[in-house]
Amino acid sequence: MTVLVVLPLWLLHPLVQASVIASTARAPLHKSWVTDSVVNTGILPVSFRAAGGRAVEVSSTGIGQVSGPLHAHGLLSLKEAVTLPWWGLVIVALAVTSPLLRCLWHIFRGDEAAALHARDGSVPPTP
């Protein structure tokens, strides 16, 4: 059960993901600055920050514009971070690890049969 939760989260990144949809030069204001339009395609709200620029918070499926100076290769370096409060991160961590915690709870109680049934999702036999 835990693999069914963790593997898609690890491979597909549905919680935190973003795409740059447009990039425009800001020549009149700053010679080597660029503004990128970024869309948050993940479930959690995130903030984007360009090196040398300001941070922009974007909600789920929202669009934000991030400005910053170009680097030597002609690209804008963007940093992405989750903007949840500490208790929000605890809730996400518990939701992701809950199948593993349930299985470990049964193992430590000495109830391996219930742990095996919790792992594969079947109903344990009644005596």
Protein backbone atom coordinates (compact mmCIF):
# COMPACT_ATOMS: atom_id res chain seq x y z
CA MET A 1 0.00 0.00 0.00
CA THR A 2 2.81 2.41 0.86
CA VAL A 3 4.44 1.78 -2.52
CA LEU A 4 1.16 2.73 -4.21
CA VAL A 5 1.28 6.11 -2.48
CA VAL A 6 5.00 6.89 -2.47
CA LEU A 7 5.93 5.70 -5.98
CA PRO A 8 3.54 8.02 -7.87
CA LEU A 9 4.53 10.92 -5.59
CA TRP A 10 8.19 10.25 -6.32
CA LEU A 11 7.85 9.69 -10.07
CA LEU A 12 5.11 12.16 -11.05
CA HIS A 13 5.74 15.00 -8.54
CA PRO A 14 2.07 16.00 -8.23
CA LEU A 15 2.60 18.02 -5.04
CA VAL A 16 5.19 20.52 -6.31
CA GLN A 17 5.70 21.11 -10.03
CA ALA A 18 5.90 24.15 -12.29
CA SER A 19 6.44 25.20 -15.89
CA VAL A 20 7.75 28.38 -17.49
CA ILE A 21 5.19 29.39 -20.12
CA ALA A 22 6.67 32.69 -21.34
CA SER A 23 9.87 34.69 -21.09
CA THR A 24 10.17 38.35 -22.06
CA ALA A 25 13.10 40.77 -21.97
CA ARG A 26 12.81 43.96 -19.95
CA ALA A 27 15.22 46.05 -22.04
CA PRO A 28 13.80 49.54 -21.30
CA LEU A 29 14.08 49.13 -17.53
CA HIS A 30 17.07 46.82 -17.13
CA LYS A 31 19.41 45.75 -19.94
CA SER A 32 20.00 42.17 -18.81
CA TRP A 33 16.77 41.39 -16.95
CA VAL A 34 14.05 38.93 -17.98
CA THR A 35 10.50 38.34 -16.77
CA ASP A 36 9.31 34.73 -16.77
CA SER A 37 5.66 33.73 -16.49
CA VAL A 38 5.50 30.60 -14.34
CA VAL A 39 2.47 28.35 -13.80
CA ASN A 40 2.20 26.15 -10.71
CA THR A 41 0.98 22.74 -11.91
CA GLY A 42 1.30 21.09 -8.50
CA ILE A 43 -1.22 20.68 -5.70
CA LEU A 44 0.63 22.69 -3.02
CA PRO A 45 1.19 26.48 -3.08
CA VAL A 46 4.78 27.45 -3.91
CA SER A 47 6.95 30.55 -4.09
CA PHE A 48 9.37 31.30 -6.93
CA ARG A 49 12.47 33.43 -6.55
CA ALA A 50 14.90 34.56 -9.20
CA ALA A 51 18.53 35.04 -8.20
CA GLY A 52 18.78 38.76 -7.52
CA GLY A 53 14.99 39.23 -7.88
CA ARG A 54 11.98 39.19 -5.60
CA ALA A 55 9.89 36.18 -4.51
CA VAL A 56 6.40 35.56 -5.88
CA GLU A 57 3.89 33.25 -4.17
CA VAL A 58 1.67 31.22 -6.52
CA SER A 59 -1.29 29.11 -5.43
CA SER A 60 -2.20 25.77 -6.98
CA THR A 61 -2.81 26.15 -10.75
CA GLY A 62 -1.93 29.85 -10.48
CA ILE A 63 0.32 31.96 -12.69
CA GLY A 64 3.04 34.29 -11.43
CA GLN A 65 5.65 36.56 -12.99
CA VAL A 66 9.22 36.42 -11.74
CA SER A 67 11.87 38.96 -12.78
CA GLY A 68 15.60 38.76 -12.39
CA PRO A 69 18.97 39.22 -14.07
CA LEU A 70 20.20 36.81 -16.73
CA HIS A 71 23.17 34.57 -15.97
CA ALA A 72 26.21 34.03 -18.20
CA HIS A 73 24.40 31.40 -20.28
CA GLY A 74 21.44 33.67 -20.99
CA LEU A 75 19.05 31.90 -18.62
CA LEU A 76 17.09 33.07 -15.60
CA SER A 77 17.80 30.94 -12.53
CA LEU A 78 14.59 30.18 -10.62
CA LYS A 79 14.28 28.65 -7.16
CA GLU A 80 11.04 26.96 -6.04
CA ALA A 81 9.91 26.34 -2.46
CA VAL A 82 6.70 25.10 -0.83
CA THR A 83 4.88 27.86 1.08
CA LEU A 84 2.97 25.81 3.64
CA PRO A 85 3.02 26.59 7.35
CA TRP A 86 4.74 24.02 9.56
CA TRP A 87 1.46 22.37 10.51
CA GLY A 88 0.56 22.01 6.81
CA LEU A 89 3.81 20.16 6.18
CA VAL A 90 3.06 17.87 9.13
CA ILE A 91 -0.38 17.05 7.67
CA VAL A 92 1.11 16.26 4.24
CA ALA A 93 3.83 14.10 5.83
CA LEU A 94 1.26 12.15 7.88
CA ALA A 95 -0.97 11.61 4.85
CA VAL A 96 1.93 10.30 2.78
CA THR A 97 3.34 8.04 5.51
CA SER A 98 0.03 6.84 6.99
CA PRO A 99 0.01 3.42 5.23
CA LEU A 100 3.55 2.72 6.45
CA LEU A 101 2.73 3.90 9.99
CA ARG A 102 -0.35 1.65 10.09
CA CYS A 103 1.67 -1.39 9.04
CA LEU A 104 4.45 -0.61 11.56
CA TRP A 105 1.85 -0.16 14.32
CA HIS A 106 0.54 -3.69 13.77
CA ILE A 107 4.04 -5.16 13.58
CA PHE A 108 5.16 -3.55 16.85
CA ARG A 109 1.97 -4.75 18.57
CA GLY A 110 2.85 -8.30 17.53
CA ASP A 111 -0.15 -8.64 15.23
CA GLU A 112 1.62 -9.75 12.03
CA ALA A 113 -1.58 -11.12 10.47
CA ALA A 114 -3.27 -7.71 10.74
CA ALA A 115 -0.08 -6.08 9.45
CA LEU A 116 -0.08 -8.33 6.37
CA HIS A 117 -3.76 -7.60 5.75
CA ALA A 118 -3.16 -3.87 6.26
CA ARG A 119 -0.37 -4.06 3.71
CA ASP A 120 -2.30 -5.88 0.97
CA GLY A 121 -5.73 -4.40 1.74
CA SER A 122 -7.53 -7.70 2.40
CA VAL A 123 -9.87 -8.41 5.30
CA PRO A 124 -8.40 -10.56 8.09
CA PRO A 125 -10.29 -13.77 8.90
CA THR A 126 -12.40 -13.78 12.05
CA PRO A 127 -11.88 -16.64 14.56
